[in-house]
Amino acid sequence: MINIDKVKELLAASCPYEPDEISLGSDLVADLEFDSFCMMDMLLAFEKEFGISIPDRDLRLFVTVSDIADYLEKKTAPDAMLSVDNGSVV
């Protein structure tokens, strides 16, 4: 299971908010003021922390913090599988 506090900590490193100001429902752009540079910084931080590869095209799936947590949960699951047609987590 993904540690949501760790996700919030990594997000806070890429935006002007503290982890305790970030909720599962926080919108990355509207609430946390993420821009394209923040998104790439976040992507690299998640890849490094969780030892996974996240295709750039999957960034479109990240609208809220909950979306990220769900994605990471699936991506780090022992039986994680990638879809052949678009590389997204199934």
C-alpha atoms as a PDB file:
ATOM      1  CA  MET A   1       0.000   0.000   0.000  1.00  0.00           C
ATOM      2  CA  ILE A   2       1.213   3.472  -0.913  1.00  0.00           C
ATOM      3  CA  ASN A   3       2.063   5.750   1.999  1.00  0.00           C
ATOM      4  CA  ILE A   4      -0.071   8.830   1.310  1.00  0.00           C
ATOM      5  CA  ASP A   5       2.071  10.935   3.651  1.00  0.00           C
ATOM      6  CA  LYS A   6       5.104  10.146   1.481  1.00  0.00           C
ATOM      7  CA  VAL A   7       3.146  11.132  -1.627  1.00  0.00           C
ATOM      8  CA  LYS A   8       2.174  14.438   0.010  1.00  0.00           C
ATOM      9  CA  GLU A   9       5.789  15.024   1.065  1.00  0.00           C
ATOM     10  CA  LEU A  10       7.030  14.498  -2.487  1.00  0.00           C
ATOM     11  CA  LEU A  11       4.305  16.744  -3.880  1.00  0.00           C
ATOM     12  CA  ALA A  12       5.121  19.476  -1.357  1.00  0.00           C
ATOM     13  CA  ALA A  13       8.715  19.469  -2.608  1.00  0.00           C
ATOM     14  CA  SER A  14       7.381  20.461  -6.050  1.00  0.00           C
ATOM     15  CA  CYS A  15       4.802  23.078  -5.050  1.00  0.00           C
ATOM     16  CA  PRO A  16       4.419  26.039  -2.666  1.00  0.00           C
ATOM     17  CA  TYR A  17       2.366  24.075  -0.089  1.00  0.00           C
ATOM     18  CA  GLU A  18       3.191  22.025   2.975  1.00  0.00           C
ATOM     19  CA  PRO A  19       2.216  18.331   3.165  1.00  0.00           C
ATOM     20  CA  ASP A  20      -0.504  19.063   5.756  1.00  0.00           C
ATOM     21  CA  GLU A  21      -2.130  21.495   3.285  1.00  0.00           C
ATOM     22  CA  ILE A  22      -2.447  18.775   0.636  1.00  0.00           C
ATOM     23  CA  SER A  23      -5.442  16.424   0.620  1.00  0.00           C
ATOM     24  CA  LEU A  24      -6.453  13.481  -1.564  1.00  0.00           C
ATOM     25  CA  GLY A  25      -8.918  15.772  -3.329  1.00  0.00           C
ATOM     26  CA  SER A  26      -6.384  18.512  -4.069  1.00  0.00           C
ATOM     27  CA  ASP A  27      -6.269  19.364  -7.772  1.00  0.00           C
ATOM     28  CA  LEU A  28      -2.655  19.604  -8.933  1.00  0.00           C
ATOM     29  CA  VAL A  29      -3.190  22.661 -11.131  1.00  0.00           C
ATOM     30  CA  ALA A  30      -6.108  24.510  -9.524  1.00  0.00           C
ATOM     31  CA  ASP A  31      -5.221  23.895  -5.867  1.00  0.00           C
ATOM     32  CA  LEU A  32      -1.481  23.212  -5.784  1.00  0.00           C
ATOM     33  CA  GLU A  33      -0.460  25.550  -8.629  1.00  0.00           C
ATOM     34  CA  PHE A  34       1.468  22.909 -10.572  1.00  0.00           C
ATOM     35  CA  ASP A  35       2.841  23.863 -13.977  1.00  0.00           C
ATOM     36  CA  SER A  36       4.636  21.680 -16.509  1.00  0.00           C
ATOM     37  CA  PHE A  37       7.979  22.038 -14.710  1.00  0.00           C
ATOM     38  CA  CYS A  38       6.438  21.031 -11.382  1.00  0.00           C
ATOM     39  CA  MET A  39       4.790  18.044 -13.051  1.00  0.00           C
ATOM     40  CA  MET A  40       8.107  16.805 -14.460  1.00  0.00           C
ATOM     41  CA  ASP A  41       9.841  17.355 -11.109  1.00  0.00           C
ATOM     42  CA  MET A  42       7.064  15.378  -9.408  1.00  0.00           C
ATOM     43  CA  LEU A  43       7.303  12.590 -11.979  1.00  0.00           C
ATOM     44  CA  LEU A  44      11.052  12.214 -11.431  1.00  0.00           C
ATOM     45  CA  ALA A  45      10.611  12.237  -7.645  1.00  0.00           C
ATOM     46  CA  PHE A  46       8.010   9.439  -7.795  1.00  0.00           C
ATOM     47  CA  GLU A  47      10.169   7.394 -10.158  1.00  0.00           C
ATOM     48  CA  LYS A  48      13.154   7.693  -7.844  1.00  0.00           C
ATOM     49  CA  GLU A  49      11.227   7.097  -4.602  1.00  0.00           C
ATOM     50  CA  PHE A  50       9.226   4.097  -5.807  1.00  0.00           C
ATOM     51  CA  GLY A  51      11.754   2.630  -8.249  1.00  0.00           C
ATOM     52  CA  ILE A  52       9.337   2.749 -11.174  1.00  0.00           C
ATOM     53  CA  SER A  53       9.180   4.271 -14.622  1.00  0.00           C
ATOM     54  CA  ILE A  54       6.277   6.600 -15.403  1.00  0.00           C
ATOM     55  CA  PRO A  55       5.792   7.418 -19.086  1.00  0.00           C
ATOM     56  CA  ASP A  56       5.378  11.148 -19.742  1.00  0.00           C
ATOM     57  CA  ARG A  57       2.035  10.404 -21.415  1.00  0.00           C
ATOM     58  CA  ASP A  58       0.686   9.142 -18.076  1.00  0.00           C
ATOM     59  CA  LEU A  59       0.937  12.652 -16.599  1.00  0.00           C
ATOM     60  CA  ARG A  60      -2.473  13.354 -18.148  1.00  0.00           C
ATOM     61  CA  LEU A  61      -3.910  10.825 -15.682  1.00  0.00           C
ATOM     62  CA  PHE A  62      -2.796  12.928 -12.705  1.00  0.00           C
ATOM     63  CA  VAL A  63      -5.518  15.452 -11.946  1.00  0.00           C
ATOM     64  CA  THR A  64      -5.843  15.029  -8.183  1.00  0.00           C
ATOM     65  CA  VAL A  65      -3.643  13.638  -5.434  1.00  0.00           C
ATOM     66  CA  SER A  66      -6.021  10.676  -5.267  1.00  0.00           C
ATOM     67  CA  ASP A  67      -5.327   9.939  -8.945  1.00  0.00           C
ATOM     68  CA  ILE A  68      -1.611   9.818  -8.182  1.00  0.00           C
ATOM     69  CA  ALA A  69      -2.071   7.547  -5.158  1.00  0.00           C
ATOM     70  CA  ASP A  70      -4.254   5.156  -7.178  1.00  0.00           C
ATOM     71  CA  TYR A  71      -1.753   5.120 -10.049  1.00  0.00           C
ATOM     72  CA  LEU A  72       1.206   4.469  -7.757  1.00  0.00           C
ATOM     73  CA  GLU A  73      -0.716   1.744  -5.930  1.00  0.00           C
ATOM     74  CA  LYS A  74      -1.345  -0.070  -9.209  1.00  0.00           C
ATOM     75  CA  LYS A  75       2.117   0.599 -10.610  1.00  0.00           C
ATOM     76  CA  THR A  76       3.917  -0.730  -7.520  1.00  0.00           C
ATOM     77  CA  ALA A  77       1.655  -3.745  -6.971  1.00  0.00           C
ATOM     78  CA  PRO A  78       3.533  -7.052  -7.233  1.00  0.00           C
ATOM     79  CA  ASP A  79       1.326  -8.142 -10.109  1.00  0.00           C
ATOM     80  CA  ALA A  80       1.371  -4.797 -11.959  1.00  0.00           C
ATOM     81  CA  MET A  81       0.882  -5.217 -15.683  1.00  0.00           C
ATOM     82  CA  LEU A  82       1.224  -2.701 -18.487  1.00  0.00           C
ATOM     83  CA  SER A  83      -1.315  -2.399 -21.249  1.00  0.00           C
ATOM     84  CA  VAL A  84       0.264  -3.264 -24.587  1.00  0.00           C
ATOM     85  CA  ASP A  85      -1.676  -0.655 -26.537  1.00  0.00           C
ATOM     86  CA  ASN A  86      -0.808   2.515 -24.591  1.00  0.00           C
ATOM     87  CA  GLY A  87       1.596   1.644 -21.781  1.00  0.00           C
ATOM     88  CA  SER A  88      -0.835   2.839 -19.116  1.00  0.00           C
ATOM     89  CA  VAL A  89      -1.345   0.934 -15.919  1.00  0.00           C
ATOM     90  CA  VAL A  90      -4.176  -1.585 -16.161  1.00  0.00           C
END
